[in-house]
Amino acid sequence: MKKLSLSLLFVSAMSSFFAQKIYSVDADYKANVKVFVVDADYKADLLVYKVSADYKAGSNDGKWFFTDADYKASKKIFFVNADYKADVKVFFVDADYKAGWKNSSKKQFFY
């Protein structure tokens, strides 16, 4: 029983570590990833759903939690003003089941 409890604790800690906790920075040189928000889902590399709590964030599946401090984030992003400047193009969706990668070759930016 003790080993099971420790295993569950470890798994939950690791899933929290790999969760997509995002912080939006104010300059491109501070970012890990440059992101452009497109106006339609078919133009996106990633469909993103903003979750309301960090434990609801996914692990590179498009469910993002925006943190209030950079040290809490797993990735720092900068929103660029043109698609050619972006590493990844995103579209924000209105339901969590719609979130996910459309262009899996871009997944590397969020590992």
PDB file of N, CA and C in Angstrom:
ATOM      1  N   MET A   1       0.825  -1.191   0.000  1.00  0.00           N
ATOM      2  CA  MET A   1       0.000   0.000   0.000  1.00  0.00           C
ATOM      3  C   MET A   1       0.873   1.261   0.000  1.00  0.00           C
ATOM      4  N   LYS A   2       1.953   1.198   0.769  1.00  0.00           N
ATOM      5  CA  LYS A   2       2.848   2.342   0.856  1.00  0.00           C
ATOM      6  C   LYS A   2       3.522   2.622  -0.485  1.00  0.00           C
ATOM      7  N   LYS A   3       3.923   1.550  -1.185  1.00  0.00           N
ATOM      8  CA  LYS A   3       4.553   1.708  -2.491  1.00  0.00           C
ATOM      9  C   LYS A   3       3.573   2.287  -3.501  1.00  0.00           C
ATOM     10  N   LEU A   4       2.322   1.864  -3.423  1.00  0.00           N
ATOM     11  CA  LEU A   4       1.295   2.383  -4.331  1.00  0.00           C
ATOM     12  C   LEU A   4       1.085   3.876  -4.098  1.00  0.00           C
ATOM     13  N   SER A   5       1.047   4.281  -2.854  1.00  0.00           N
ATOM     14  CA  SER A   5       0.879   5.702  -2.529  1.00  0.00           C
ATOM     15  C   SER A   5       2.043   6.530  -3.036  1.00  0.00           C
ATOM     16  N   LEU A   6       3.247   6.019  -2.849  1.00  0.00           N
ATOM     17  CA  LEU A   6       4.423   6.731  -3.331  1.00  0.00           C
ATOM     18  C   LEU A   6       4.438   6.797  -4.847  1.00  0.00           C
ATOM     19  N   SER A   7       4.032   5.730  -5.494  1.00  0.00           N
ATOM     20  CA  SER A   7       3.984   5.715  -6.966  1.00  0.00           C
ATOM     21  C   SER A   7       2.979   6.738  -7.480  1.00  0.00           C
ATOM     22  N   LEU A   8       1.814   6.790  -6.868  1.00  0.00           N
ATOM     23  CA  LEU A   8       0.795   7.755  -7.282  1.00  0.00           C
ATOM     24  C   LEU A   8       1.267   9.183  -7.059  1.00  0.00           C
ATOM     25  N   LEU A   9       1.942   9.419  -5.968  1.00  0.00           N
ATOM     26  CA  LEU A   9       2.478  10.741  -5.686  1.00  0.00           C
ATOM     27  C   LEU A   9       3.516  11.138  -6.732  1.00  0.00           C
ATOM     28  N   PHE A  10       4.388  10.205  -7.090  1.00  0.00           N
ATOM     29  CA  PHE A  10       5.415  10.470  -8.093  1.00  0.00           C
ATOM     30  C   PHE A  10       4.798  10.768  -9.456  1.00  0.00           C
ATOM     31  N   VAL A  11       3.824   9.980  -9.866  1.00  0.00           N
ATOM     32  CA  VAL A  11       3.160  10.174 -11.157  1.00  0.00           C
ATOM     33  C   VAL A  11       2.447  11.521 -11.207  1.00  0.00           C
ATOM     34  N   SER A  12       1.759  11.885 -10.147  1.00  0.00           N
ATOM     35  CA  SER A  12       1.069  13.176 -10.142  1.00  0.00           C
ATOM     36  C   SER A  12       2.059  14.335 -10.146  1.00  0.00           C
ATOM     37  N   ALA A  13       3.167  14.173  -9.467  1.00  0.00           N
ATOM     38  CA  ALA A  13       4.193  15.225  -9.483  1.00  0.00           C
ATOM     39  C   ALA A  13       4.803  15.368 -10.864  1.00  0.00           C
ATOM     40  N   MET A  14       5.068  14.267 -11.526  1.00  0.00           N
ATOM     41  CA  MET A  14       5.647  14.313 -12.867  1.00  0.00           C
ATOM     42  C   MET A  14       4.665  14.896 -13.872  1.00  0.00           C
ATOM     43  N   SER A  15       3.392  14.572 -13.760  1.00  0.00           N
ATOM     44  CA  SER A  15       2.416  15.129 -14.693  1.00  0.00           C
ATOM     45  C   SER A  15       2.281  16.626 -14.485  1.00  0.00           C
ATOM     46  N   SER A  16       2.421  17.072 -13.253  1.00  0.00           N
ATOM     47  CA  SER A  16       2.398  18.502 -12.979  1.00  0.00           C
ATOM     48  C   SER A  16       3.629  19.185 -13.563  1.00  0.00           C
ATOM     49  N   PHE A  17       4.774  18.508 -13.508  1.00  0.00           N
ATOM     50  CA  PHE A  17       6.015  19.067 -14.026  1.00  0.00           C
ATOM     51  C   PHE A  17       5.946  19.248 -15.542  1.00  0.00           C
ATOM     52  N   PHE A  18       5.343  18.297 -16.241  1.00  0.00           N
ATOM     53  CA  PHE A  18       5.280  18.348 -17.693  1.00  0.00           C
ATOM     54  C   PHE A  18       4.037  19.063 -18.214  1.00  0.00           C
ATOM     55  N   ALA A  19       3.219  19.584 -17.351  1.00  0.00           N
ATOM     56  CA  ALA A  19       2.009  20.282 -17.768  1.00  0.00           C
ATOM     57  C   ALA A  19       2.372  21.548 -18.524  1.00  0.00           C
ATOM     58  N   GLN A  20       1.490  21.950 -19.403  1.00  0.00           N
ATOM     59  CA  GLN A  20       1.734  23.139 -20.215  1.00  0.00           C
ATOM     60  C   GLN A  20       1.344  24.398 -19.440  1.00  0.00           C
ATOM     61  N   LYS A  21       2.246  24.795 -18.584  1.00  0.00           N
ATOM     62  CA  LYS A  21       2.095  26.044 -17.848  1.00  0.00           C
ATOM     63  C   LYS A  21       2.841  27.104 -18.645  1.00  0.00           C
ATOM     64  N   ILE A  22       2.120  28.115 -19.060  1.00  0.00           N
ATOM     65  CA  ILE A  22       2.626  29.098 -20.009  1.00  0.00           C
ATOM     66  C   ILE A  22       2.715  30.462 -19.338  1.00  0.00           C
ATOM     67  N   TYR A  23       3.771  31.183 -19.679  1.00  0.00           N
ATOM     68  CA  TYR A  23       3.904  32.577 -19.254  1.00  0.00           C
ATOM     69  C   TYR A  23       4.164  33.414 -20.499  1.00  0.00           C
ATOM     70  N   SER A  24       3.413  34.483 -20.638  1.00  0.00           N
ATOM     71  CA  SER A  24       3.565  35.372 -21.784  1.00  0.00           C
ATOM     72  C   SER A  24       4.548  36.490 -21.434  1.00  0.00           C
ATOM     73  N   VAL A  25       5.664  36.522 -22.145  1.00  0.00           N
ATOM     74  CA  VAL A  25       6.700  37.527 -21.890  1.00  0.00           C
ATOM     75  C   VAL A  25       6.489  38.753 -22.772  1.00  0.00           C
ATOM     76  N   ASP A  26       7.194  39.826 -22.453  1.00  0.00           N
ATOM     77  CA  ASP A  26       7.002  41.099 -23.156  1.00  0.00           C
ATOM     78  C   ASP A  26       8.031  41.383 -24.255  1.00  0.00           C
ATOM     79  N   ALA A  27       8.929  40.433 -24.513  1.00  0.00           N
ATOM     80  CA  ALA A  27       9.926  40.616 -25.571  1.00  0.00           C
ATOM     81  C   ALA A  27      10.288  39.266 -26.163  1.00  0.00           C
ATOM     82  N   ASP A  28      10.548  39.242 -27.455  1.00  0.00           N
ATOM     83  CA  ASP A  28      10.810  37.963 -28.131  1.00  0.00           C
ATOM     84  C   ASP A  28      12.078  37.266 -27.646  1.00  0.00           C
ATOM     85  N   TYR A  29      13.094  38.031 -27.243  1.00  0.00           N
ATOM     86  CA  TYR A  29      14.335  37.403 -26.793  1.00  0.00           C
ATOM     87  C   TYR A  29      14.187  36.695 -25.452  1.00  0.00           C
ATOM     88  N   LYS A  30      13.132  36.964 -24.713  1.00  0.00           N
ATOM     89  CA  LYS A  30      12.878  36.304 -23.432  1.00  0.00           C
ATOM     90  C   LYS A  30      12.093  35.005 -23.594  1.00  0.00           C
ATOM     91  N   ALA A  31      11.596  34.744 -24.785  1.00  0.00           N
ATOM     92  CA  ALA A  31      10.683  33.623 -25.009  1.00  0.00           C
ATOM     93  C   ALA A  31      11.398  32.352 -25.443  1.00  0.00           C
ATOM     94  N   ASN A  32      10.800  31.218 -25.075  1.00  0.00           N
ATOM     95  CA  ASN A  32      11.224  29.928 -25.604  1.00  0.00           C
ATOM     96  C   ASN A  32      10.586  29.689 -26.967  1.00  0.00           C
ATOM     97  N   VAL A  33       9.366  30.196 -27.127  1.00  0.00           N
ATOM     98  CA  VAL A  33       8.594  29.964 -28.347  1.00  0.00           C
ATOM     99  C   VAL A  33       7.890  31.253 -28.757  1.00  0.00           C
ATOM    100  N   LYS A  34       7.954  31.555 -30.061  1.00  0.00           N
ATOM    101  CA  LYS A  34       7.213  32.691 -30.608  1.00  0.00           C
ATOM    102  C   LYS A  34       5.916  32.166 -31.202  1.00  0.00           C
ATOM    103  N   VAL A  35       4.805  32.795 -30.821  1.00  0.00           N
ATOM    104  CA  VAL A  35       3.474  32.306 -31.166  1.00  0.00           C
ATOM    105  C   VAL A  35       2.700  33.381 -31.912  1.00  0.00           C
ATOM    106  N   PHE A  36       1.963  32.953 -32.932  1.00  0.00           N
ATOM    107  CA  PHE A  36       1.060  33.847 -33.655  1.00  0.00           C
ATOM    108  C   PHE A  36      -0.344  33.272 -33.547  1.00  0.00           C
ATOM    109  N   VAL A  37      -1.303  34.125 -33.209  1.00  0.00           N
ATOM    110  CA  VAL A  37      -2.695  33.693 -33.099  1.00  0.00           C
ATOM    111  C   VAL A  37      -3.371  33.920 -34.447  1.00  0.00           C
ATOM    112  N   VAL A  38      -3.844  32.827 -35.043  1.00  0.00           N
ATOM    113  CA  VAL A  38      -4.521  32.895 -36.338  1.00  0.00           C
ATOM    114  C   VAL A  38      -6.019  33.079 -36.136  1.00  0.00           C
ATOM    115  N   ASP A  39      -6.704  33.450 -37.219  1.00  0.00           N
ATOM    116  CA  ASP A  39      -8.134  33.752 -37.118  1.00  0.00           C
ATOM    117  C   ASP A  39      -9.054  32.579 -37.470  1.00  0.00           C
ATOM    118  N   ALA A  40      -8.484  31.436 -37.804  1.00  0.00           N
ATOM    119  CA  ALA A  40      -9.298  30.259 -38.123  1.00  0.00           C
ATOM    120  C   ALA A  40      -8.537  28.996 -37.743  1.00  0.00           C
ATOM    121  N   ASP A  41      -9.253  27.969 -37.315  1.00  0.00           N
ATOM    122  CA  ASP A  41      -8.595  26.753 -36.840  1.00  0.00           C
ATOM    123  C   ASP A  41      -7.819  26.011 -37.917  1.00  0.00           C
ATOM    124  N   TYR A  42      -8.251  26.088 -39.169  1.00  0.00           N
ATOM    125  CA  TYR A  42      -7.543  25.367 -40.224  1.00  0.00           C
ATOM    126  C   TYR A  42      -6.168  25.964 -40.541  1.00  0.00           C
ATOM    127  N   LYS A  43      -5.903  27.178 -40.092  1.00  0.00           N
ATOM    128  CA  LYS A  43      -4.605  27.822 -40.306  1.00  0.00           C
ATOM    129  C   LYS A  43      -3.609  27.519 -39.180  1.00  0.00           C
ATOM    130  N   ALA A  44      -4.066  26.891 -38.128  1.00  0.00           N
ATOM    131  CA  ALA A  44      -3.260  26.697 -36.921  1.00  0.00           C
ATOM    132  C   ALA A  44      -2.433  25.426 -36.955  1.00  0.00           C
ATOM    133  N   ASP A  45      -1.295  25.488 -36.257  1.00  0.00           N
ATOM    134  CA  ASP A  45      -0.502  24.297 -35.980  1.00  0.00           C
ATOM    135  C   ASP A  45      -1.028  23.603 -34.719  1.00  0.00           C
ATOM    136  N   LEU A  46      -1.536  24.425 -33.800  1.00  0.00           N
ATOM    137  CA  LEU A  46      -2.001  23.930 -32.506  1.00  0.00           C
ATOM    138  C   LEU A  46      -3.305  24.610 -32.130  1.00  0.00           C
ATOM    139  N   LEU A  47      -4.277  23.814 -31.717  1.00  0.00           N
ATOM    140  CA  LEU A  47      -5.528  24.344 -31.178  1.00  0.00           C
ATOM    141  C   LEU A  47      -5.377  24.371 -29.668  1.00  0.00           C
ATOM    142  N   VAL A  48      -5.568  25.554 -29.080  1.00  0.00           N
ATOM    143  CA  VAL A  48      -5.295  25.760 -27.655  1.00  0.00           C
ATOM    144  C   VAL A  48      -6.584  26.041 -26.898  1.00  0.00           C
ATOM    145  N   TYR A  49      -6.687  25.405 -25.743  1.00  0.00           N
ATOM    146  CA  TYR A  49      -7.782  25.694 -24.815  1.00  0.00           C
ATOM    147  C   TYR A  49      -7.150  26.207 -23.528  1.00  0.00           C
ATOM    148  N   LYS A  50      -7.594  27.376 -23.072  1.00  0.00           N
ATOM    149  CA  LYS A  50      -7.080  27.945 -21.824  1.00  0.00           C
ATOM    150  C   LYS A  50      -7.852  27.341 -20.655  1.00  0.00           C
ATOM    151  N   VAL A  51      -7.139  26.626 -19.791  1.00  0.00           N
ATOM    152  CA  VAL A  51      -7.765  26.019 -18.619  1.00  0.00           C
ATOM    153  C   VAL A  51      -7.721  26.980 -17.445  1.00  0.00           C
ATOM    154  N   SER A  52      -8.582  26.740 -16.469  1.00  0.00           N
ATOM    155  CA  SER A  52      -8.730  27.666 -15.352  1.00  0.00           C
ATOM    156  C   SER A  52      -7.831  27.358 -14.154  1.00  0.00           C
ATOM    157  N   ALA A  53      -7.188  26.202 -14.149  1.00  0.00           N
ATOM    158  CA  ALA A  53      -6.322  25.831 -13.030  1.00  0.00           C
ATOM    159  C   ALA A  53      -5.127  25.040 -13.557  1.00  0.00           C
ATOM    160  N   ASP A  54      -3.998  25.154 -12.866  1.00  0.00           N
ATOM    161  CA  ASP A  54      -2.777  24.504 -13.351  1.00  0.00           C
ATOM    162  C   ASP A  54      -2.879  22.987 -13.411  1.00  0.00           C
ATOM    163  N   TYR A  55      -3.629  22.374 -12.506  1.00  0.00           N
ATOM    164  CA  TYR A  55      -3.748  20.919 -12.535  1.00  0.00           C
ATOM    165  C   TYR A  55      -4.565  20.415 -13.726  1.00  0.00           C
ATOM    166  N   LYS A  56      -5.284  21.296 -14.399  1.00  0.00           N
ATOM    167  CA  LYS A  56      -6.063  20.917 -15.579  1.00  0.00           C
ATOM    168  C   LYS A  56      -5.247  21.017 -16.867  1.00  0.00           C
ATOM    169  N   ALA A  57      -4.065  21.582 -16.774  1.00  0.00           N
ATOM    170  CA  ALA A  57      -3.217  21.752 -17.958  1.00  0.00           C
ATOM    171  C   ALA A  57      -2.746  20.400 -18.463  1.00  0.00           C
ATOM    172  N   GLY A  58      -2.652  20.290 -19.758  1.00  0.00           N
ATOM    173  CA  GLY A  58      -2.218  19.034 -20.370  1.00  0.00           C
ATOM    174  C   GLY A  58      -0.715  18.965 -20.505  1.00  0.00           C
ATOM    175  N   SER A  59      -0.264  17.879 -21.068  1.00  0.00           N
ATOM    176  CA  SER A  59       1.172  17.713 -21.317  1.00  0.00           C
ATOM    177  C   SER A  59       1.399  17.717 -22.830  1.00  0.00           C
ATOM    178  N   ASN A  60       1.583  18.890 -23.357  1.00  0.00           N
ATOM    179  CA  ASN A  60       1.813  19.124 -24.784  1.00  0.00           C
ATOM    180  C   ASN A  60       0.641  18.664 -25.644  1.00  0.00           C
ATOM    181  N   ASP A  61      -0.565  18.945 -25.167  1.00  0.00           N
ATOM    182  CA  ASP A  61      -1.761  18.578 -25.906  1.00  0.00           C
ATOM    183  C   ASP A  61      -2.677  19.771 -26.197  1.00  0.00           C
ATOM    184  N   GLY A  62      -2.192  20.969 -25.949  1.00  0.00           N
ATOM    185  CA  GLY A  62      -2.962  22.162 -26.266  1.00  0.00           C
ATOM    186  C   GLY A  62      -3.776  22.722 -25.127  1.00  0.00           C
ATOM    187  N   LYS A  63      -3.733  22.120 -23.966  1.00  0.00           N
ATOM    188  CA  LYS A  63      -4.446  22.649 -22.799  1.00  0.00           C
ATOM    189  C   LYS A  63      -3.447  23.455 -21.982  1.00  0.00           C
ATOM    190  N   TRP A  64      -3.583  24.777 -22.060  1.00  0.00           N
ATOM    191  CA  TRP A  64      -2.613  25.675 -21.453  1.00  0.00           C
ATOM    192  C   TRP A  64      -3.181  26.352 -20.222  1.00  0.00           C
ATOM    193  N   PHE A  65      -2.317  26.513 -19.229  1.00  0.00           N
ATOM    194  CA  PHE A  65      -2.625  27.342 -18.073  1.00  0.00           C
ATOM    195  C   PHE A  65      -1.624  28.488 -18.072  1.00  0.00           C
ATOM    196  N   PHE A  66      -2.128  29.706 -18.066  1.00  0.00           N
ATOM    197  CA  PHE A  66      -1.255  30.883 -18.057  1.00  0.00           C
ATOM    198  C   PHE A  66      -0.931  31.246 -16.613  1.00  0.00           C
ATOM    199  N   THR A  67       0.365  31.204 -16.286  1.00  0.00           N
ATOM    200  CA  THR A  67       0.818  31.511 -14.932  1.00  0.00           C
ATOM    201  C   THR A  67       0.999  33.019 -14.756  1.00  0.00           C
ATOM    202  N   ASP A  68       1.124  33.429 -13.516  1.00  0.00           N
ATOM    203  CA  ASP A  68       1.316  34.847 -13.214  1.00  0.00           C
ATOM    204  C   ASP A  68       2.789  35.209 -13.000  1.00  0.00           C
ATOM    205  N   ALA A  69       3.674  34.223 -13.127  1.00  0.00           N
ATOM    206  CA  ALA A  69       5.111  34.473 -12.965  1.00  0.00           C
ATOM    207  C   ALA A  69       5.896  33.538 -13.867  1.00  0.00           C
ATOM    208  N   ASP A  70       6.999  34.032 -14.401  1.00  0.00           N
ATOM    209  CA  ASP A  70       7.774  33.227 -15.350  1.00  0.00           C
ATOM    210  C   ASP A  70       8.395  31.978 -14.740  1.00  0.00           C
ATOM    211  N   TYR A  71       8.783  32.031 -13.458  1.00  0.00           N
ATOM    212  CA  TYR A  71       9.418  30.871 -12.839  1.00  0.00           C
ATOM    213  C   TYR A  71       8.440  29.707 -12.621  1.00  0.00           C
ATOM    214  N   LYS A  72       7.146  29.969 -12.686  1.00  0.00           N
ATOM    215  CA  LYS A  72       6.141  28.914 -12.535  1.00  0.00           C
ATOM    216  C   LYS A  72       5.827  28.218 -13.858  1.00  0.00           C
ATOM    217  N   ALA A  73       6.309  28.766 -14.945  1.00  0.00           N
ATOM    218  CA  ALA A  73       5.947  28.268 -16.273  1.00  0.00           C
ATOM    219  C   ALA A  73       6.900  27.200 -16.773  1.00  0.00           C
ATOM    220  N   SER A  74       6.346  26.281 -17.570  1.00  0.00           N
ATOM    221  CA  SER A  74       7.197  25.311 -18.256  1.00  0.00           C
ATOM    222  C   SER A  74       7.692  25.887 -19.582  1.00  0.00           C
ATOM    223  N   LYS A  75       6.963  26.838 -20.146  1.00  0.00           N
ATOM    224  CA  LYS A  75       7.379  27.517 -21.378  1.00  0.00           C
ATOM    225  C   LYS A  75       7.013  28.990 -21.303  1.00  0.00           C
ATOM    226  N   LYS A  76       7.913  29.813 -21.838  1.00  0.00           N
ATOM    227  CA  LYS A  76       7.656  31.246 -21.956  1.00  0.00           C
ATOM    228  C   LYS A  76       7.398  31.532 -23.432  1.00  0.00           C
ATOM    229  N   ILE A  77       6.289  32.216 -23.700  1.00  0.00           N
ATOM    230  CA  ILE A  77       5.951  32.502 -25.088  1.00  0.00           C
ATOM    231  C   ILE A  77       5.872  34.008 -25.316  1.00  0.00           C
ATOM    232  N   PHE A  78       6.059  34.367 -26.568  1.00  0.00           N
ATOM    233  CA  PHE A  78       5.904  35.756 -26.986  1.00  0.00           C
ATOM    234  C   PHE A  78       4.954  35.751 -28.165  1.00  0.00           C
ATOM    235  N   PHE A  79       3.919  36.598 -28.103  1.00  0.00           N
ATOM    236  CA  PHE A  79       2.963  36.705 -29.184  1.00  0.00           C
ATOM    237  C   PHE A  79       3.497  37.682 -30.227  1.00  0.00           C
ATOM    238  N   VAL A  80       3.788  37.172 -31.413  1.00  0.00           N
ATOM    239  CA  VAL A  80       4.306  37.998 -32.504  1.00  0.00           C
ATOM    240  C   VAL A  80       3.137  38.554 -33.317  1.00  0.00           C
ATOM    241  N   ASN A  81       3.424  39.570 -34.137  1.00  0.00           N
ATOM    242  CA  ASN A  81       2.364  40.244 -34.892  1.00  0.00           C
ATOM    243  C   ASN A  81       2.256  39.798 -36.350  1.00  0.00           C
ATOM    244  N   ALA A  82       3.019  38.780 -36.731  1.00  0.00           N
ATOM    245  CA  ALA A  82       2.943  38.263 -38.102  1.00  0.00           C
ATOM    246  C   ALA A  82       3.236  36.771 -38.093  1.00  0.00           C
ATOM    247  N   ASP A  83       2.543  36.025 -38.946  1.00  0.00           N
ATOM    248  CA  ASP A  83       2.696  34.568 -38.928  1.00  0.00           C
ATOM    249  C   ASP A  83       4.088  34.092 -39.333  1.00  0.00           C
ATOM    250  N   TYR A  84       4.767  34.824 -40.205  1.00  0.00           N
ATOM    251  CA  TYR A  84       6.105  34.397 -40.639  1.00  0.00           C
ATOM    252  C   TYR A  84       7.154  34.543 -39.537  1.00  0.00           C
ATOM    253  N   LYS A  85       6.862  35.304 -38.493  1.00  0.00           N
ATOM    254  CA  LYS A  85       7.780  35.463 -37.369  1.00  0.00           C
ATOM    255  C   LYS A  85       7.599  34.383 -36.304  1.00  0.00           C
ATOM    256  N   ALA A  86       6.556  33.580 -36.436  1.00  0.00           N
ATOM    257  CA  ALA A  86       6.187  32.621 -35.394  1.00  0.00           C
ATOM    258  C   ALA A  86       6.841  31.266 -35.577  1.00  0.00           C
ATOM    259  N   ASP A  87       7.108  30.641 -34.444  1.00  0.00           N
ATOM    260  CA  ASP A  87       7.520  29.239 -34.449  1.00  0.00           C
ATOM    261  C   ASP A  87       6.279  28.350 -34.594  1.00  0.00           C
ATOM    262  N   VAL A  88       5.211  28.763 -33.905  1.00  0.00           N
ATOM    263  CA  VAL A  88       3.972  27.992 -33.882  1.00  0.00           C
ATOM    264  C   VAL A  88       2.785  28.930 -34.050  1.00  0.00           C
ATOM    265  N   LYS A  89       1.832  28.513 -34.884  1.00  0.00           N
ATOM    266  CA  LYS A  89       0.583  29.265 -35.060  1.00  0.00           C
ATOM    267  C   LYS A  89      -0.501  28.570 -34.248  1.00  0.00           C
ATOM    268  N   VAL A  90      -1.214  29.353 -33.425  1.00  0.00           N
ATOM    269  CA  VAL A  90      -2.241  28.781 -32.560  1.00  0.00           C
ATOM    270  C   VAL A  90      -3.600  29.410 -32.841  1.00  0.00           C
ATOM    271  N   PHE A  91      -4.610  28.653 -32.481  1.00  0.00           N
ATOM    272  CA  PHE A  91      -5.983  29.140 -32.526  1.00  0.00           C
ATOM    273  C   PHE A  91      -6.622  28.735 -31.209  1.00  0.00           C
ATOM    274  N   PHE A  92      -7.245  29.680 -30.515  1.00  0.00           N
ATOM    275  CA  PHE A  92      -7.875  29.395 -29.229  1.00  0.00           C
ATOM    276  C   PHE A  92      -9.279  28.858 -29.447  1.00  0.00           C
ATOM    277  N   VAL A  93      -9.545  27.678 -28.885  1.00  0.00           N
ATOM    278  CA  VAL A  93     -10.839  27.018 -29.033  1.00  0.00           C
ATOM    279  C   VAL A  93     -11.661  27.192 -27.764  1.00  0.00           C
ATOM    280  N   ASP A  94     -12.948  26.892 -27.871  1.00  0.00           N
ATOM    281  CA  ASP A  94     -13.875  27.125 -26.766  1.00  0.00           C
ATOM    282  C   ASP A  94     -14.196  25.890 -25.926  1.00  0.00           C
ATOM    283  N   ALA A  95     -13.569  24.763 -26.221  1.00  0.00           N
ATOM    284  CA  ALA A  95     -13.798  23.544 -25.448  1.00  0.00           C
ATOM    285  C   ALA A  95     -12.519  22.723 -25.385  1.00  0.00           C
ATOM    286  N   ASP A  96     -12.305  22.063 -24.251  1.00  0.00           N
ATOM    287  CA  ASP A  96     -11.049  21.322 -24.076  1.00  0.00           C
ATOM    288  C   ASP A  96     -10.902  20.136 -25.017  1.00  0.00           C
ATOM    289  N   TYR A  97     -12.002  19.506 -25.414  1.00  0.00           N
ATOM    290  CA  TYR A  97     -11.893  18.355 -26.316  1.00  0.00           C
ATOM    291  C   TYR A  97     -11.454  18.747 -27.722  1.00  0.00           C
ATOM    292  N   LYS A  98     -11.524  20.024 -28.056  1.00  0.00           N
ATOM    293  CA  LYS A  98     -11.095  20.497 -29.375  1.00  0.00           C
ATOM    294  C   LYS A  98      -9.590  20.787 -29.426  1.00  0.00           C
ATOM    295  N   ALA A  99      -8.952  20.859 -28.283  1.00  0.00           N
ATOM    296  CA  ALA A  99      -7.528  21.193 -28.220  1.00  0.00           C
ATOM    297  C   ALA A  99      -6.683  20.056 -28.763  1.00  0.00           C
ATOM    298  N   GLY A 100      -5.562  20.426 -29.390  1.00  0.00           N
ATOM    299  CA  GLY A 100      -4.633  19.415 -29.865  1.00  0.00           C
ATOM    300  C   GLY A 100      -3.817  19.900 -31.042  1.00  0.00           C
ATOM    301  N   TRP A 101      -2.849  19.082 -31.412  1.00  0.00           N
ATOM    302  CA  TRP A 101      -1.948  19.418 -32.505  1.00  0.00           C
ATOM    303  C   TRP A 101      -2.565  19.091 -33.849  1.00  0.00           C
ATOM    304  N   LYS A 102      -2.430  20.007 -34.776  1.00  0.00           N
ATOM    305  CA  LYS A 102      -2.815  19.771 -36.159  1.00  0.00           C
ATOM    306  C   LYS A 102      -1.573  19.540 -37.018  1.00  0.00           C
ATOM    307  N   ASN A 103      -0.457  20.098 -36.576  1.00  0.00           N
ATOM    308  CA  ASN A 103       0.825  19.924 -37.261  1.00  0.00           C
ATOM    309  C   ASN A 103       1.809  19.371 -36.235  1.00  0.00           C
ATOM    310  N   SER A 104       1.891  18.066 -36.155  1.00  0.00           N
ATOM    311  CA  SER A 104       2.694  17.439 -35.105  1.00  0.00           C
ATOM    312  C   SER A 104       4.202  17.681 -35.235  1.00  0.00           C
ATOM    313  N   SER A 105       4.647  18.147 -36.383  1.00  0.00           N
ATOM    314  CA  SER A 105       6.081  18.446 -36.534  1.00  0.00           C
ATOM    315  C   SER A 105       6.504  19.629 -35.664  1.00  0.00           C
ATOM    316  N   LYS A 106       5.557  20.406 -35.187  1.00  0.00           N
ATOM    317  CA  LYS A 106       5.864  21.573 -34.346  1.00  0.00           C
ATOM    318  C   LYS A 106       5.847  21.234 -32.845  1.00  0.00           C
ATOM    319  N   LYS A 107       5.515  19.996 -32.496  1.00  0.00           N
ATOM    320  CA  LYS A 107       5.446  19.587 -31.082  1.00  0.00           C
ATOM    321  C   LYS A 107       6.747  19.848 -30.336  1.00  0.00           C
ATOM    322  N   GLN A 108       7.848  19.763 -31.059  1.00  0.00           N
ATOM    323  CA  GLN A 108       9.163  19.912 -30.436  1.00  0.00           C
ATOM    324  C   GLN A 108       9.327  21.229 -29.690  1.00  0.00           C
ATOM    325  N   PHE A 109       8.624  22.252 -30.096  1.00  0.00           N
ATOM    326  CA  PHE A 109       8.764  23.556 -29.450  1.00  0.00           C
ATOM    327  C   PHE A 109       8.247  23.573 -28.007  1.00  0.00           C
ATOM    328  N   PHE A 110       7.389  22.619 -27.659  1.00  0.00           N
ATOM    329  CA  PHE A 110       6.816  22.613 -26.322  1.00  0.00           C
ATOM    330  C   PHE A 110       7.277  21.440 -25.461  1.00  0.00           C
ATOM    331  N   TYR A 111       8.376  20.786 -25.846  1.00  0.00           N
ATOM    332  CA  TYR A 111       8.957  19.754 -24.985  1.00  0.00           C
ATOM    333  C   TYR A 111      10.015  20.356 -24.131  1.00  0.00           C
TER     334      TYR A 111
END
